[in-house]
Amino acid sequence: MSHRYEEQLKQLNNLLIEMGGWLEYVISFTIQALVKQDAKLAQTIIVNAREIDIKEKEIENLCLKLLLQHPVAGDFRQVSSALKMVTDMERIGDQCEGICELTKLLAKEEYIMELVYIPKMAEVTTKMVNEAVDAFVKKDLEIAKSVILNDDIVDEYYRLVRNDIVALIQQDAAHAEQAIDFMQIAKYLERIGDHAVNIAEWVVYSITGVHNSEK
């Protein structure tokens, strides 16, 4: 293995860590903007989220360079998994942008519900994304598997949000429009959890050679 090839593999890990850091920042401040009804912060996040797209292209280009060097089986799985992972990571950024767009619409309204479970969903999904990337870099199968299991927690929070929203609409149909917006926000967070699971499953593949779809 050439020194240049080894350096490129290290660079791939570093870029994934950087992209994961951007996602942590974006998810965290997306929810902060929502909770504080801060339209200006929401717009800032939308602009800054474009950095995630830049990182995605940078990682894709590096992966293609590595694949052209015909890596051995283990390295091939690592590089091809990274190529799949960044697609999910980029989509997480898209989900955050969707939440920020809704936050801008909701910023001037009085919220019909206290935000209890939505910030908790964000906290769990942020942890899942961070740990999935960490599992890839460390080649840690147990961390990757724990990320997949945490999806049940996100799904439970989503169920609780949905139940609260249904109850609010039943109490007063005038709440329906805003309630639907909060339901969409919870759905975006659930999808972030799904993308984190996808990333973790590619980590499992990179280590074991077996993807969940093949079981």
Foldseek 3Di string as FASTA:
>chain_A
DDPVLVVLVVVLLVLLLVLLVLLLVLLVQLVVCLQQLPLVSLVVSLVSLVVLVVSLVVLLVSLVVSVVVVDPPLVVLLSVLSNVLSVLSNVLSVLSNLSSVLSNVCSPPDDPDNPDLLVVLSVLLSVLSNLLSVCSSVLPLVSLVVLLVSLVVLVVSLVVLVVVLVVSCVVPVVCVVVSVSVNSNSVSSNSSSVSSNSSSQSSNCSNPVDGPVRD
